[in-house]
Amino acid sequence: MKGEFKIKEKMGKPIYAHIILTVIENNKNELIINFDNNLPYETKLSIEFGILYYYQQYIKLSKKVGLSVNIDYVHGIPVDTTAIVLCYSAIKAMADALAFEIKGLLITENGDFIFSKGI
């Protein structure tokens, strides 16, 4: 299942990121994330955290346990694309791929990111 999320906003500060990923359910009862080796370490960490955050919510609510995620495309702009913007974008791309939104995730009008503690 293909998922994509692009954000380009000026909400108190410029925010930009674009992520495309592919999600496949697996029988391994684990999360597997595959990255392009050319991505910077910090970018990988930010996206990985977003996917893990989503995954923990997803398995609690959907009762499905194994996912393989391939990161197909990442685009950012220095200054506008921060770790939290990538994290948020990865969560939203996962939601798009699986048609499964998690609650408690938003951006305020000032550009602050709010994440719920989960279930």
C-alpha atoms as a PDB file:
ATOM      1  CA  MET A   1       0.000   0.000   0.000  1.00  0.00           C
ATOM      2  CA  LYS A   2       1.411   3.348  -1.033  1.00  0.00           C
ATOM      3  CA  GLY A   3       1.287   6.339   1.309  1.00  0.00           C
ATOM      4  CA  GLU A   4       2.230   9.945   0.695  1.00  0.00           C
ATOM      5  CA  PHE A   5       2.214  13.129   2.697  1.00  0.00           C
ATOM      6  CA  LYS A   6       3.412  16.586   1.741  1.00  0.00           C
ATOM      7  CA  ILE A   7       3.254  19.621   3.950  1.00  0.00           C
ATOM      8  CA  LYS A   8       4.118  23.141   2.864  1.00  0.00           C
ATOM      9  CA  GLU A   9       2.770  25.674   5.329  1.00  0.00           C
ATOM     10  CA  LYS A  10       3.662  28.911   7.015  1.00  0.00           C
ATOM     11  CA  MET A  11       2.208  28.508  10.486  1.00  0.00           C
ATOM     12  CA  GLY A  12       4.232  30.877  12.594  1.00  0.00           C
ATOM     13  CA  LYS A  13       7.274  29.454  10.810  1.00  0.00           C
ATOM     14  CA  PRO A  14       7.848  27.755   7.441  1.00  0.00           C
ATOM     15  CA  ILE A  15       7.225  23.999   7.484  1.00  0.00           C
ATOM     16  CA  TYR A  16       8.025  21.665   4.592  1.00  0.00           C
ATOM     17  CA  ALA A  17       8.458  17.929   3.990  1.00  0.00           C
ATOM     18  CA  HIS A  18       7.402  15.364   1.413  1.00  0.00           C
ATOM     19  CA  ILE A  19       7.483  11.620   2.084  1.00  0.00           C
ATOM     20  CA  ILE A  20       6.330   8.685  -0.027  1.00  0.00           C
ATOM     21  CA  LEU A  21       6.437   5.175   1.396  1.00  0.00           C
ATOM     22  CA  THR A  22       5.168   1.669   0.771  1.00  0.00           C
ATOM     23  CA  VAL A  23       3.691  -0.481   3.546  1.00  0.00           C
ATOM     24  CA  ILE A  24       3.260  -4.255   3.365  1.00  0.00           C
ATOM     25  CA  GLU A  25       1.730  -6.373   6.104  1.00  0.00           C
ATOM     26  CA  ASN A  26       3.996  -9.233   7.178  1.00  0.00           C
ATOM     27  CA  ASN A  27       3.673 -12.309   9.384  1.00  0.00           C
ATOM     28  CA  LYS A  28       6.827 -11.617  11.382  1.00  0.00           C
ATOM     29  CA  ASN A  29       5.045  -9.756  14.212  1.00  0.00           C
ATOM     30  CA  GLU A  30       7.544  -6.924  13.910  1.00  0.00           C
ATOM     31  CA  LEU A  31       8.163  -3.593  12.252  1.00  0.00           C
ATOM     32  CA  ILE A  32      10.755  -3.576   9.484  1.00  0.00           C
ATOM     33  CA  ILE A  33      11.846  -0.234   7.996  1.00  0.00           C
ATOM     34  CA  ASN A  34      13.991   0.006   4.855  1.00  0.00           C
ATOM     35  CA  PHE A  35      15.743   3.263   3.959  1.00  0.00           C
ATOM     36  CA  ASP A  36      17.797   4.571   1.101  1.00  0.00           C
ATOM     37  CA  ASN A  37      21.344   4.425   2.448  1.00  0.00           C
ATOM     38  CA  ASN A  38      22.040   7.917   1.097  1.00  0.00           C
ATOM     39  CA  LEU A  39      19.660   9.596   3.556  1.00  0.00           C
ATOM     40  CA  PRO A  40      21.358  11.480   6.390  1.00  0.00           C
ATOM     41  CA  TYR A  41      21.361   9.713   9.765  1.00  0.00           C
ATOM     42  CA  GLU A  42      19.227  12.422  11.414  1.00  0.00           C
ATOM     43  CA  THR A  43      16.620  12.163   8.658  1.00  0.00           C
ATOM     44  CA  LYS A  44      16.403   8.397   9.133  1.00  0.00           C
ATOM     45  CA  LEU A  45      16.004   8.785  12.910  1.00  0.00           C
ATOM     46  CA  SER A  46      13.206  11.325  12.545  1.00  0.00           C
ATOM     47  CA  ILE A  47      11.270   9.218  10.050  1.00  0.00           C
ATOM     48  CA  GLU A  48      11.889   6.032  12.015  1.00  0.00           C
ATOM     49  CA  PHE A  49      10.508   7.596  15.189  1.00  0.00           C
ATOM     50  CA  GLY A  50       7.375   8.752  13.350  1.00  0.00           C
ATOM     51  CA  ILE A  51       6.808   5.296  11.903  1.00  0.00           C
ATOM     52  CA  LEU A  52       7.381   3.627  15.282  1.00  0.00           C
ATOM     53  CA  TYR A  53       4.976   6.044  16.997  1.00  0.00           C
ATOM     54  CA  TYR A  54       2.336   5.276  14.359  1.00  0.00           C
ATOM     55  CA  TYR A  55       3.012   1.532  14.506  1.00  0.00           C
ATOM     56  CA  GLN A  56       2.520   1.373  18.284  1.00  0.00           C
ATOM     57  CA  GLN A  57      -0.883   3.038  17.943  1.00  0.00           C
ATOM     58  CA  TYR A  58      -1.828   0.972  14.893  1.00  0.00           C
ATOM     59  CA  ILE A  59      -1.187  -2.449  16.437  1.00  0.00           C
ATOM     60  CA  LYS A  60      -3.164  -1.551  19.579  1.00  0.00           C
ATOM     61  CA  LEU A  61      -6.214  -0.449  17.621  1.00  0.00           C
ATOM     62  CA  SER A  62      -6.148  -2.683  14.542  1.00  0.00           C
ATOM     63  CA  LYS A  63      -4.868  -5.883  16.190  1.00  0.00           C
ATOM     64  CA  LYS A  64      -2.536  -6.387  13.222  1.00  0.00           C
ATOM     65  CA  VAL A  65       1.088  -6.870  14.188  1.00  0.00           C
ATOM     66  CA  GLY A  66       3.597  -7.047  11.353  1.00  0.00           C
ATOM     67  CA  LEU A  67       4.512  -4.288   8.895  1.00  0.00           C
ATOM     68  CA  SER A  68       7.339  -3.777   6.430  1.00  0.00           C
ATOM     69  CA  VAL A  69       7.849  -0.149   5.410  1.00  0.00           C
ATOM     70  CA  ASN A  70       9.970   1.008   2.472  1.00  0.00           C
ATOM     71  CA  ILE A  71      10.831   4.692   2.347  1.00  0.00           C
ATOM     72  CA  ASP A  72      10.548   5.486  -1.356  1.00  0.00           C
ATOM     73  CA  TYR A  73      11.065   9.248  -1.423  1.00  0.00           C
ATOM     74  CA  VAL A  74      12.021  11.995   1.012  1.00  0.00           C
ATOM     75  CA  HIS A  75      12.358  15.661   0.172  1.00  0.00           C
ATOM     76  CA  GLY A  76      13.134  18.477   2.530  1.00  0.00           C
ATOM     77  CA  ILE A  77      14.431  22.027   2.580  1.00  0.00           C
ATOM     78  CA  PRO A  78      17.092  23.193   5.046  1.00  0.00           C
ATOM     79  CA  VAL A  79      15.552  25.174   7.932  1.00  0.00           C
ATOM     80  CA  ASP A  80      11.929  24.361   6.912  1.00  0.00           C
ATOM     81  CA  THR A  81      12.387  20.590   7.311  1.00  0.00           C
ATOM     82  CA  THR A  82      13.167  19.792  10.928  1.00  0.00           C
ATOM     83  CA  ALA A  83      13.205  16.477  12.779  1.00  0.00           C
ATOM     84  CA  ILE A  84       9.681  17.002  14.099  1.00  0.00           C
ATOM     85  CA  VAL A  85       8.352  17.914  10.641  1.00  0.00           C
ATOM     86  CA  LEU A  86       9.793  14.678   9.215  1.00  0.00           C
ATOM     87  CA  CYS A  87       8.407  12.675  12.138  1.00  0.00           C
ATOM     88  CA  TYR A  88       4.918  14.159  11.667  1.00  0.00           C
ATOM     89  CA  SER A  89       5.066  13.639   7.906  1.00  0.00           C
ATOM     90  CA  ALA A  90       6.053   9.986   8.326  1.00  0.00           C
ATOM     91  CA  ILE A  91       3.067   9.440  10.639  1.00  0.00           C
ATOM     92  CA  LYS A  92       0.706  11.051   8.140  1.00  0.00           C
ATOM     93  CA  ALA A  93       2.179   9.047   5.226  1.00  0.00           C
ATOM     94  CA  MET A  94       1.632   5.833   7.222  1.00  0.00           C
ATOM     95  CA  ALA A  95      -1.966   6.892   7.885  1.00  0.00           C
ATOM     96  CA  ASP A  96      -2.448   7.484   4.164  1.00  0.00           C
ATOM     97  CA  ALA A  97      -0.999   4.084   3.243  1.00  0.00           C
ATOM     98  CA  LEU A  98      -3.101   2.141   5.729  1.00  0.00           C
ATOM     99  CA  ALA A  99      -6.203   4.372   5.643  1.00  0.00           C
ATOM    100  CA  PHE A 100      -5.995   4.433   9.430  1.00  0.00           C
ATOM    101  CA  GLU A 101      -5.733   7.767  11.263  1.00  0.00           C
ATOM    102  CA  ILE A 102      -4.543   7.979  14.843  1.00  0.00           C
ATOM    103  CA  LYS A 103      -6.043  10.566  17.170  1.00  0.00           C
ATOM    104  CA  GLY A 104      -4.330  13.339  19.060  1.00  0.00           C
ATOM    105  CA  LEU A 105      -1.895  14.509  16.383  1.00  0.00           C
ATOM    106  CA  LEU A 106      -2.042  18.125  15.223  1.00  0.00           C
ATOM    107  CA  ILE A 107      -0.207  21.300  14.353  1.00  0.00           C
ATOM    108  CA  THR A 108      -1.282  24.519  16.037  1.00  0.00           C
ATOM    109  CA  GLU A 109      -1.690  27.814  14.161  1.00  0.00           C
ATOM    110  CA  ASN A 110       1.727  28.803  15.578  1.00  0.00           C
ATOM    111  CA  GLY A 111       3.374  25.768  14.012  1.00  0.00           C
ATOM    112  CA  ASP A 112       3.708  23.749  17.225  1.00  0.00           C
ATOM    113  CA  PHE A 113       3.333  19.981  16.923  1.00  0.00           C
ATOM    114  CA  ILE A 114       1.164  18.127  19.430  1.00  0.00           C
ATOM    115  CA  PHE A 115       1.330  14.353  19.857  1.00  0.00           C
ATOM    116  CA  SER A 116      -0.921  12.418  22.208  1.00  0.00           C
ATOM    117  CA  LYS A 117       0.718   9.980  24.583  1.00  0.00           C
ATOM    118  CA  GLY A 118      -1.186   7.263  22.813  1.00  0.00           C
ATOM    119  CA  ILE A 119      -3.497   4.621  24.126  1.00  0.00           C
END
